[in-house]
PDB file of N, CA and C in Angstrom:
ATOM      1  N   MET A   1      23.775  -8.772 129.553  1.00  0.00           N
ATOM      2  CA  MET A   1      22.662  -9.018 130.447  1.00  0.00           C
ATOM      3  C   MET A   1      22.057  -7.689 130.877  1.00  0.00           C
ATOM      4  N   SER A   2      20.742  -7.582 130.864  1.00  0.00           N
ATOM      5  CA  SER A   2      20.038  -6.365 131.276  1.00  0.00           C
ATOM      6  C   SER A   2      20.247  -6.105 132.764  1.00  0.00           C
ATOM      7  N   VAL A   3      20.225  -4.827 133.112  1.00  0.00           N
ATOM      8  CA  VAL A   3      20.400  -4.408 134.505  1.00  0.00           C
ATOM      9  C   VAL A   3      19.221  -3.542 134.915  1.00  0.00           C
ATOM     10  N   VAL A   4      18.671  -3.845 136.089  1.00  0.00           N
ATOM     11  CA  VAL A   4      17.573  -3.086 136.657  1.00  0.00           C
ATOM     12  C   VAL A   4      18.148  -2.089 137.663  1.00  0.00           C
ATOM     13  N   LEU A   5      17.659  -0.852 137.591  1.00  0.00           N
ATOM     14  CA  LEU A   5      18.058   0.189 138.534  1.00  0.00           C
ATOM     15  C   LEU A   5      16.783   0.709 139.191  1.00  0.00           C
ATOM     16  N   ILE A   6      16.731   0.654 140.515  1.00  0.00           N
ATOM     17  CA  ILE A   6      15.595   1.182 141.273  1.00  0.00           C
ATOM     18  C   ILE A   6      16.124   2.261 142.192  1.00  0.00           C
ATOM     19  N   HIS A   7      15.502   3.441 142.100  1.00  0.00           N
ATOM     20  CA  HIS A   7      15.955   4.572 142.899  1.00  0.00           C
ATOM     21  C   HIS A   7      14.769   5.121 143.681  1.00  0.00           C
ATOM     22  N   GLN A   8      14.906   5.174 144.992  1.00  0.00           N
ATOM     23  CA  GLN A   8      13.907   5.801 145.846  1.00  0.00           C
ATOM     24  C   GLN A   8      14.559   6.125 147.175  1.00  0.00           C
ATOM     25  N   GLY A   9      13.931   6.973 147.923  1.00  0.00           N
ATOM     26  CA  GLY A   9      14.426   7.363 149.236  1.00  0.00           C
ATOM     27  C   GLY A   9      13.817   8.689 149.620  1.00  0.00           C
ATOM     28  N   PRO A  10      13.978   9.083 150.862  1.00  0.00           N
ATOM     29  CA  PRO A  10      13.342  10.313 151.348  1.00  0.00           C
ATOM     30  C   PRO A  10      13.709  11.561 150.548  1.00  0.00           C
ATOM     31  N   SER A  11      14.911  11.617 150.011  1.00  0.00           N
ATOM     32  CA  SER A  11      15.334  12.816 149.281  1.00  0.00           C
ATOM     33  C   SER A  11      14.914  12.805 147.811  1.00  0.00           C
ATOM     34  N   LEU A  12      14.367  11.687 147.327  1.00  0.00           N
ATOM     35  CA  LEU A  12      13.873  11.615 145.949  1.00  0.00           C
ATOM     36  C   LEU A  12      12.358  11.795 145.983  1.00  0.00           C
ATOM     37  N   THR A  13      11.917  12.962 145.581  1.00  0.00           N
ATOM     38  CA  THR A  13      10.496  13.290 145.545  1.00  0.00           C
ATOM     39  C   THR A  13      10.104  13.576 144.097  1.00  0.00           C
ATOM     40  N   GLN A  14       8.828  13.747 143.853  1.00  0.00           N
ATOM     41  CA  GLN A  14       8.396  14.110 142.503  1.00  0.00           C
ATOM     42  C   GLN A  14       9.022  15.436 142.097  1.00  0.00           C
ATOM     43  N   LYS A  15       9.114  16.357 143.028  1.00  0.00           N
ATOM     44  CA  LYS A  15       9.706  17.671 142.724  1.00  0.00           C
ATOM     45  C   LYS A  15      11.185  17.535 142.345  1.00  0.00           C
ATOM     46  N   THR A  16      11.956  16.772 143.130  1.00  0.00           N
ATOM     47  CA  THR A  16      13.379  16.618 142.784  1.00  0.00           C
ATOM     48  C   THR A  16      13.540  15.823 141.496  1.00  0.00           C
ATOM     49  N   TYR A  17      12.661  14.835 141.258  1.00  0.00           N
ATOM     50  CA  TYR A  17      12.702  14.085 140.004  1.00  0.00           C
ATOM     51  C   TYR A  17      12.510  15.025 138.813  1.00  0.00           C
ATOM     52  N   GLU A  18      11.512  15.897 138.902  1.00  0.00           N
ATOM     53  CA  GLU A  18      11.249  16.825 137.801  1.00  0.00           C
ATOM     54  C   GLU A  18      12.414  17.789 137.589  1.00  0.00           C
ATOM     55  N   GLU A  19      13.084  18.180 138.663  1.00  0.00           N
ATOM     56  CA  GLU A  19      14.276  19.026 138.535  1.00  0.00           C
ATOM     57  C   GLU A  19      15.411  18.257 137.857  1.00  0.00           C
ATOM     58  N   ILE A  20      15.574  16.996 138.213  1.00  0.00           N
ATOM     59  CA  ILE A  20      16.599  16.155 137.589  1.00  0.00           C
ATOM     60  C   ILE A  20      16.320  16.014 136.098  1.00  0.00           C
ATOM     61  N   VAL A  21      15.063  15.785 135.739  1.00  0.00           N
ATOM     62  CA  VAL A  21      14.687  15.646 134.328  1.00  0.00           C
ATOM     63  C   VAL A  21      15.020  16.924 133.566  1.00  0.00           C
ATOM     64  N   ARG A  22      14.725  18.084 134.147  1.00  0.00           N
ATOM     65  CA  ARG A  22      15.055  19.355 133.480  1.00  0.00           C
ATOM     66  C   ARG A  22      16.555  19.469 133.235  1.00  0.00           C
ATOM     67  N   LYS A  23      17.344  19.038 134.196  1.00  0.00           N
ATOM     68  CA  LYS A  23      18.800  19.110 134.042  1.00  0.00           C
ATOM     69  C   LYS A  23      19.310  18.082 133.029  1.00  0.00           C
ATOM     70  N   LEU A  24      18.693  16.919 132.997  1.00  0.00           N
ATOM     71  CA  LEU A  24      19.093  15.894 132.024  1.00  0.00           C
ATOM     72  C   LEU A  24      18.764  16.301 130.598  1.00  0.00           C
ATOM     73  N   THR A  25      17.703  17.083 130.434  1.00  0.00           N
ATOM     74  CA  THR A  25      17.216  17.422 129.102  1.00  0.00           C
ATOM     75  C   THR A  25      17.456  18.882 128.753  1.00  0.00           C
ATOM     76  N   ASP A  26      18.335  19.547 129.479  1.00  0.00           N
ATOM     77  CA  ASP A  26      18.645  20.956 129.220  1.00  0.00           C
ATOM     78  C   ASP A  26      17.392  21.833 129.207  1.00  0.00           C
ATOM     79  N   GLY A  27      16.490  21.582 130.167  1.00  0.00           N
ATOM     80  CA  GLY A  27      15.316  22.421 130.314  1.00  0.00           C
ATOM     81  C   GLY A  27      14.135  22.027 129.459  1.00  0.00           C
ATOM     82  N   GLU A  28      14.266  20.970 128.672  1.00  0.00           N
ATOM     83  CA  GLU A  28      13.145  20.519 127.850  1.00  0.00           C
ATOM     84  C   GLU A  28      12.043  19.964 128.747  1.00  0.00           C
ATOM     85  N   THR A  29      10.932  19.582 128.168  1.00  0.00           N
ATOM     86  CA  THR A  29       9.753  19.218 128.936  1.00  0.00           C
ATOM     87  C   THR A  29       9.759  17.816 129.520  1.00  0.00           C
ATOM     88  N   GLY A  30      10.652  16.965 129.135  1.00  0.00           N
ATOM     89  CA  GLY A  30      10.641  15.650 129.746  1.00  0.00           C
ATOM     90  C   GLY A  30      11.395  14.605 128.965  1.00  0.00           C
ATOM     91  N   LEU A  31      11.285  13.415 129.488  1.00  0.00           N
ATOM     92  CA  LEU A  31      11.919  12.250 128.896  1.00  0.00           C
ATOM     93  C   LEU A  31      10.819  11.419 128.257  1.00  0.00           C
ATOM     94  N   LYS A  32      10.750  11.451 126.943  1.00  0.00           N
ATOM     95  CA  LYS A  32       9.636  10.803 126.243  1.00  0.00           C
ATOM     96  C   LYS A  32      10.052   9.553 125.465  1.00  0.00           C
ATOM     97  N   SER A  33      11.324   9.423 125.152  1.00  0.00           N
ATOM     98  CA  SER A  33      11.802   8.234 124.448  1.00  0.00           C
ATOM     99  C   SER A  33      13.249   7.980 124.870  1.00  0.00           C
ATOM    100  N   PRO A  34      13.740   6.755 124.669  1.00  0.00           N
ATOM    101  CA  PRO A  34      15.121   6.464 125.058  1.00  0.00           C
ATOM    102  C   PRO A  34      16.150   7.411 124.440  1.00  0.00           C
ATOM    103  N   SER A  35      15.834   7.995 123.298  1.00  0.00           N
ATOM    104  CA  SER A  35      16.781   8.924 122.672  1.00  0.00           C
ATOM    105  C   SER A  35      16.909  10.240 123.448  1.00  0.00           C
ATOM    106  N   ASP A  36      16.018  10.505 124.400  1.00  0.00           N
ATOM    107  CA  ASP A  36      16.108  11.714 125.223  1.00  0.00           C
ATOM    108  C   ASP A  36      17.144  11.587 126.338  1.00  0.00           C
ATOM    109  N   TRP A  37      17.631  10.368 126.600  1.00  0.00           N
ATOM    110  CA  TRP A  37      18.618  10.166 127.662  1.00  0.00           C
ATOM    111  C   TRP A  37      19.989  10.583 127.165  1.00  0.00           C
ATOM    112  N   PRO A  38      20.849  11.022 128.066  1.00  0.00           N
ATOM    113  CA  PRO A  38      22.183  11.495 127.662  1.00  0.00           C
ATOM    114  C   PRO A  38      23.152  10.380 127.272  1.00  0.00           C
ATOM    115  N   VAL A  39      22.777   9.131 127.521  1.00  0.00           N
ATOM    116  CA  VAL A  39      23.610   7.990 127.124  1.00  0.00           C
ATOM    117  C   VAL A  39      22.712   6.944 126.468  1.00  0.00           C
ATOM    118  N   GLU A  40      23.299   6.092 125.668  1.00  0.00           N
ATOM    119  CA  GLU A  40      22.545   5.032 125.002  1.00  0.00           C
ATOM    120  C   GLU A  40      22.426   3.813 125.909  1.00  0.00           C
ATOM    121  N   GLY A  41      21.395   3.016 125.649  1.00  0.00           N
ATOM    122  CA  GLY A  41      21.277   1.740 126.337  1.00  0.00           C
ATOM    123  C   GLY A  41      20.049   1.594 127.216  1.00  0.00           C
ATOM    124  N   LEU A  42      19.212   2.618 127.316  1.00  0.00           N
ATOM    125  CA  LEU A  42      18.003   2.520 128.126  1.00  0.00           C
ATOM    126  C   LEU A  42      16.966   1.664 127.410  1.00  0.00           C
ATOM    127  N   LEU A  43      16.397   0.693 128.124  1.00  0.00           N
ATOM    128  CA  LEU A  43      15.329  -0.135 127.577  1.00  0.00           C
ATOM    129  C   LEU A  43      13.963   0.279 128.107  1.00  0.00           C
ATOM    130  N   MET A  44      13.910   0.743 129.378  1.00  0.00           N
ATOM    131  CA  MET A  44      12.640   1.088 129.997  1.00  0.00           C
ATOM    132  C   MET A  44      12.865   2.082 131.133  1.00  0.00           C
ATOM    133  N   HIS A  45      11.928   3.004 131.296  1.00  0.00           N
ATOM    134  CA  HIS A  45      11.978   3.973 132.394  1.00  0.00           C
ATOM    135  C   HIS A  45      10.556   4.192 132.902  1.00  0.00           C
ATOM    136  N   VAL A  46      10.378   4.075 134.211  1.00  0.00           N
ATOM    137  CA  VAL A  46       9.089   4.318 134.854  1.00  0.00           C
ATOM    138  C   VAL A  46       9.358   5.112 136.121  1.00  0.00           C
ATOM    139  N   ALA A  47       8.545   6.138 136.369  1.00  0.00           N
ATOM    140  CA  ALA A  47       8.679   6.931 137.590  1.00  0.00           C
ATOM    141  C   ALA A  47       7.294   7.244 138.113  1.00  0.00           C
ATOM    142  N   GLY A  48       7.123   7.161 139.425  1.00  0.00           N
ATOM    143  CA  GLY A  48       5.836   7.496 140.006  1.00  0.00           C
ATOM    144  C   GLY A  48       5.832   7.330 141.505  1.00  0.00           C
ATOM    145  N   GLN A  49       4.727   7.765 142.083  1.00  0.00           N
ATOM    146  CA  GLN A  49       4.547   7.714 143.529  1.00  0.00           C
ATOM    147  C   GLN A  49       4.122   6.307 143.941  1.00  0.00           C
ATOM    148  N   SER A  50       4.839   5.710 144.875  1.00  0.00           N
ATOM    149  CA  SER A  50       4.467   4.420 145.436  1.00  0.00           C
ATOM    150  C   SER A  50       4.049   4.647 146.890  1.00  0.00           C
ATOM    151  N   PRO A  51       3.490   3.647 147.541  1.00  0.00           N
ATOM    152  CA  PRO A  51       3.152   3.816 148.960  1.00  0.00           C
ATOM    153  C   PRO A  51       4.378   4.123 149.828  1.00  0.00           C
ATOM    154  N   GLN A  52       5.569   3.751 149.360  1.00  0.00           N
ATOM    155  CA  GLN A  52       6.800   3.994 150.116  1.00  0.00           C
ATOM    156  C   GLN A  52       7.520   5.271 149.692  1.00  0.00           C
ATOM    157  N   GLY A  53       6.958   6.032 148.769  1.00  0.00           N
ATOM    158  CA  GLY A  53       7.596   7.264 148.300  1.00  0.00           C
ATOM    159  C   GLY A  53       7.774   7.239 146.793  1.00  0.00           C
ATOM    160  N   PHE A  54       8.360   8.303 146.265  1.00  0.00           N
ATOM    161  CA  PHE A  54       8.563   8.400 144.828  1.00  0.00           C
ATOM    162  C   PHE A  54       9.613   7.387 144.409  1.00  0.00           C
ATOM    163  N   ARG A  55       9.380   6.697 143.299  1.00  0.00           N
ATOM    164  CA  ARG A  55      10.273   5.619 142.865  1.00  0.00           C
ATOM    165  C   ARG A  55      10.532   5.736 141.369  1.00  0.00           C
ATOM    166  N   VAL A  56      11.785   5.469 140.982  1.00  0.00           N
ATOM    167  CA  VAL A  56      12.184   5.429 139.577  1.00  0.00           C
ATOM    168  C   VAL A  56      12.741   4.035 139.304  1.00  0.00           C
ATOM    169  N   VAL A  57      12.274   3.429 138.207  1.00  0.00           N
ATOM    170  CA  VAL A  57      12.754   2.113 137.808  1.00  0.00           C
ATOM    171  C   VAL A  57      13.221   2.204 136.355  1.00  0.00           C
ATOM    172  N   ASP A  58      14.455   1.835 136.117  1.00  0.00           N
ATOM    173  CA  ASP A  58      15.026   1.779 134.773  1.00  0.00           C
ATOM    174  C   ASP A  58      15.470   0.356 134.487  1.00  0.00           C
ATOM    175  N   VAL A  59      15.469  -0.010 133.225  1.00  0.00           N
ATOM    176  CA  VAL A  59      16.133  -1.227 132.771  1.00  0.00           C
ATOM    177  C   VAL A  59      17.117  -0.795 131.690  1.00  0.00           C
ATOM    178  N   TRP A  60      18.362  -1.200 131.855  1.00  0.00           N
ATOM    179  CA  TRP A  60      19.442  -0.848 130.929  1.00  0.00           C
ATOM    180  C   TRP A  60      19.908  -2.094 130.196  1.00  0.00           C
ATOM    181  N   GLN A  61      20.406  -1.914 128.978  1.00  0.00           N
ATOM    182  CA  GLN A  61      20.866  -3.039 128.155  1.00  0.00           C
ATOM    183  C   GLN A  61      21.999  -3.816 128.817  1.00  0.00           C
ATOM    184  N   SER A  62      22.833  -3.114 129.581  1.00  0.00           N
ATOM    185  CA  SER A  62      24.014  -3.753 130.162  1.00  0.00           C
ATOM    186  C   SER A  62      24.468  -2.991 131.396  1.00  0.00           C
ATOM    187  N   ARG A  63      25.331  -3.622 132.157  1.00  0.00           N
ATOM    188  CA  ARG A  63      25.942  -2.961 133.323  1.00  0.00           C
ATOM    189  C   ARG A  63      26.731  -1.736 132.860  1.00  0.00           C
ATOM    190  N   GLU A  64      27.414  -1.844 131.735  1.00  0.00           N
ATOM    191  CA  GLU A  64      28.220  -0.733 131.224  1.00  0.00           C
ATOM    192  C   GLU A  64      27.342   0.481 130.907  1.00  0.00           C
ATOM    193  N   ALA A  65      26.197   0.253 130.256  1.00  0.00           N
ATOM    194  CA  ALA A  65      25.284   1.357 129.938  1.00  0.00           C
ATOM    195  C   ALA A  65      24.748   1.997 131.215  1.00  0.00           C
ATOM    196  N   CYS A  66      24.376   1.173 132.172  1.00  0.00           N
ATOM    197  CA  CYS A  66      23.877   1.675 133.455  1.00  0.00           C
ATOM    198  C   CYS A  66      24.953   2.499 134.165  1.00  0.00           C
ATOM    199  N   ASP A  67      26.178   2.019 134.157  1.00  0.00           N
ATOM    200  CA  ASP A  67      27.279   2.743 134.796  1.00  0.00           C
ATOM    201  C   ASP A  67      27.564   4.072 134.095  1.00  0.00           C
ATOM    202  N   ARG A  68      27.499   4.091 132.759  1.00  0.00           N
ATOM    203  CA  ARG A  68      27.708   5.354 132.026  1.00  0.00           C
ATOM    204  C   ARG A  68      26.658   6.384 132.441  1.00  0.00           C
ATOM    205  N   PHE A  69      25.406   5.932 132.547  1.00  0.00           N
ATOM    206  CA  PHE A  69      24.353   6.837 132.983  1.00  0.00           C
ATOM    207  C   PHE A  69      24.609   7.305 134.419  1.00  0.00           C
ATOM    208  N   GLY A  70      25.032   6.392 135.281  1.00  0.00           N
ATOM    209  CA  GLY A  70      25.337   6.751 136.666  1.00  0.00           C
ATOM    210  C   GLY A  70      26.402   7.824 136.768  1.00  0.00           C
ATOM    211  N   GLU A  71      27.413   7.745 135.926  1.00  0.00           N
ATOM    212  CA  GLU A  71      28.473   8.761 135.921  1.00  0.00           C
ATOM    213  C   GLU A  71      27.922  10.120 135.499  1.00  0.00           C
ATOM    214  N   PHE A  72      27.001  10.122 134.567  1.00  0.00           N
ATOM    215  CA  PHE A  72      26.385  11.367 134.107  1.00  0.00           C
ATOM    216  C   PHE A  72      25.423  11.917 135.165  1.00  0.00           C
ATOM    217  N   LEU A  73      24.685  11.021 135.814  1.00  0.00           N
ATOM    218  CA  LEU A  73      23.634  11.413 136.751  1.00  0.00           C
ATOM    219  C   LEU A  73      24.159  11.836 138.121  1.00  0.00           C
ATOM    220  N   ALA A  74      25.232  11.243 138.590  1.00  0.00           N
ATOM    221  CA  ALA A  74      25.708  11.478 139.962  1.00  0.00           C
ATOM    222  C   ALA A  74      25.877  12.957 140.319  1.00  0.00           C
ATOM    223  N   PRO A  75      26.522  13.771 139.480  1.00  0.00           N
ATOM    224  CA  PRO A  75      26.661  15.188 139.851  1.00  0.00           C
ATOM    225  C   PRO A  75      25.317  15.916 139.923  1.00  0.00           C
ATOM    226  N   ILE A  76      24.365  15.510 139.095  1.00  0.00           N
ATOM    227  CA  ILE A  76      23.042  16.137 139.123  1.00  0.00           C
ATOM    228  C   ILE A  76      22.326  15.776 140.415  1.00  0.00           C
ATOM    229  N   LEU A  77      22.394  14.508 140.817  1.00  0.00           N
ATOM    230  CA  LEU A  77      21.781  14.094 142.074  1.00  0.00           C
ATOM    231  C   LEU A  77      22.363  14.865 143.244  1.00  0.00           C
ATOM    232  N   GLN A  78      23.664  15.016 143.247  1.00  0.00           N
ATOM    233  CA  GLN A  78      24.326  15.761 144.322  1.00  0.00           C
ATOM    234  C   GLN A  78      23.859  17.218 144.325  1.00  0.00           C
ATOM    235  N   GLU A  79      23.760  17.803 143.153  1.00  0.00           N
ATOM    236  CA  GLU A  79      23.347  19.201 143.025  1.00  0.00           C
ATOM    237  C   GLU A  79      21.941  19.449 143.567  1.00  0.00           C
ATOM    238  N   VAL A  80      21.014  18.506 143.337  1.00  0.00           N
ATOM    239  CA  VAL A  80      19.630  18.700 143.792  1.00  0.00           C
ATOM    240  C   VAL A  80      19.375  18.104 145.175  1.00  0.00           C
ATOM    241  N   GLY A  81      20.386  17.483 145.766  1.00  0.00           N
ATOM    242  CA  GLY A  81      20.262  16.994 147.138  1.00  0.00           C
ATOM    243  C   GLY A  81      19.689  15.597 147.293  1.00  0.00           C
ATOM    244  N   VAL A  82      19.747  14.784 146.249  1.00  0.00           N
ATOM    245  CA  VAL A  82      19.297  13.394 146.362  1.00  0.00           C
ATOM    246  C   VAL A  82      20.500  12.561 146.778  1.00  0.00           C
ATOM    247  N   ASP A  83      20.412  11.989 147.986  1.00  0.00           N
ATOM    248  CA  ASP A  83      21.555  11.238 148.501  1.00  0.00           C
ATOM    249  C   ASP A  83      21.310   9.734 148.584  1.00  0.00           C
ATOM    250  N   ALA A  84      20.104   9.291 148.308  1.00  0.00           N
ATOM    251  CA  ALA A  84      19.807   7.858 148.337  1.00  0.00           C
ATOM    252  C   ALA A  84      20.558   7.153 147.209  1.00  0.00           C
ATOM    253  N   GLN A  85      21.122   6.017 147.516  1.00  0.00           N
ATOM    254  CA  GLN A  85      21.836   5.227 146.515  1.00  0.00           C
ATOM    255  C   GLN A  85      20.854   4.278 145.828  1.00  0.00           C
ATOM    256  N   PRO A  86      20.948   4.135 144.505  1.00  0.00           N
ATOM    257  CA  PRO A  86      20.033   3.224 143.807  1.00  0.00           C
ATOM    258  C   PRO A  86      20.412   1.765 144.067  1.00  0.00           C
ATOM    259  N   GLU A  87      19.417   0.920 143.932  1.00  0.00           N
ATOM    260  CA  GLU A  87      19.622  -0.520 143.964  1.00  0.00           C
ATOM    261  C   GLU A  87      19.763  -0.979 142.517  1.00  0.00           C
ATOM    262  N   THR A  88      20.764  -1.775 142.223  1.00  0.00           N
ATOM    263  CA  THR A  88      20.926  -2.312 140.873  1.00  0.00           C
ATOM    264  C   THR A  88      21.152  -3.818 140.961  1.00  0.00           C
ATOM    265  N   TYR A  89      20.640  -4.510 139.955  1.00  0.00           N
ATOM    266  CA  TYR A  89      20.863  -5.951 139.883  1.00  0.00           C
ATOM    267  C   TYR A  89      20.629  -6.416 138.451  1.00  0.00           C
ATOM    268  N   GLU A  90      21.221  -7.558 138.107  1.00  0.00           N
ATOM    269  CA  GLU A  90      21.028  -8.135 136.784  1.00  0.00           C
ATOM    270  C   GLU A  90      19.628  -8.716 136.686  1.00  0.00           C
ATOM    271  N   ALA A  91      18.969  -8.438 135.587  1.00  0.00           N
ATOM    272  CA  ALA A  91      17.623  -8.972 135.372  1.00  0.00           C
ATOM    273  C   ALA A  91      17.710 -10.456 135.009  1.00  0.00           C
ATOM    274  N   HIS A  92      16.889 -11.231 135.608  1.00  0.00           N
ATOM    275  CA  HIS A  92      16.779 -12.642 135.230  1.00  0.00           C
ATOM    276  C   HIS A  92      15.991 -12.763 133.936  1.00  0.00           C
ATOM    277  N   THR A  93      14.896 -11.981 133.862  1.00  0.00           N
ATOM    278  CA  THR A  93      14.014 -12.001 132.691  1.00  0.00           C
ATOM    279  C   THR A  93      13.574 -10.578 132.395  1.00  0.00           C
ATOM    280  N   PHE A  94      13.577 -10.213 131.133  1.00  0.00           N
ATOM    281  CA  PHE A  94      13.043  -8.921 130.724  1.00  0.00           C
ATOM    282  C   PHE A  94      12.217  -9.147 129.454  1.00  0.00           C
ATOM    283  N   VAL A  95      10.931  -8.802 129.505  1.00  0.00           N
ATOM    284  CA  VAL A  95      10.032  -8.952 128.372  1.00  0.00           C
ATOM    285  C   VAL A  95       9.455  -7.576 128.079  1.00  0.00           C
ATOM    286  N   SER A  96       9.456  -7.197 126.832  1.00  0.00           N
ATOM    287  CA  SER A  96       8.935  -5.894 126.434  1.00  0.00           C
ATOM    288  C   SER A  96       7.882  -6.066 125.350  1.00  0.00           C
ATOM    289  N   ALA A  97       6.864  -5.218 125.378  1.00  0.00           N
ATOM    290  CA  ALA A  97       5.814  -5.295 124.375  1.00  0.00           C
ATOM    291  C   ALA A  97       6.281  -4.693 123.065  1.00  0.00           C
TER     292      ALA A  97
END
């Protein structure tokens, strides 16, 4: 079952997001395809400014894939000072173009 991960909070800004991306990609210019992620299983990634602050939304193939990414990401979040915990839940429906 697909898992949705939503991450936002006062400590997650566009600047900290861009720093996280640099650390995830070893200084490369960004995340352009699922193969750029350090773990397999990403189905969708969207990041941008919302009225409530900067928000990141991922959809992962499974809870296991999402958890593997979380294990990789947690030390990076701590390093850049992002302390907000993501919201995760099983997707009822996921449709992709």
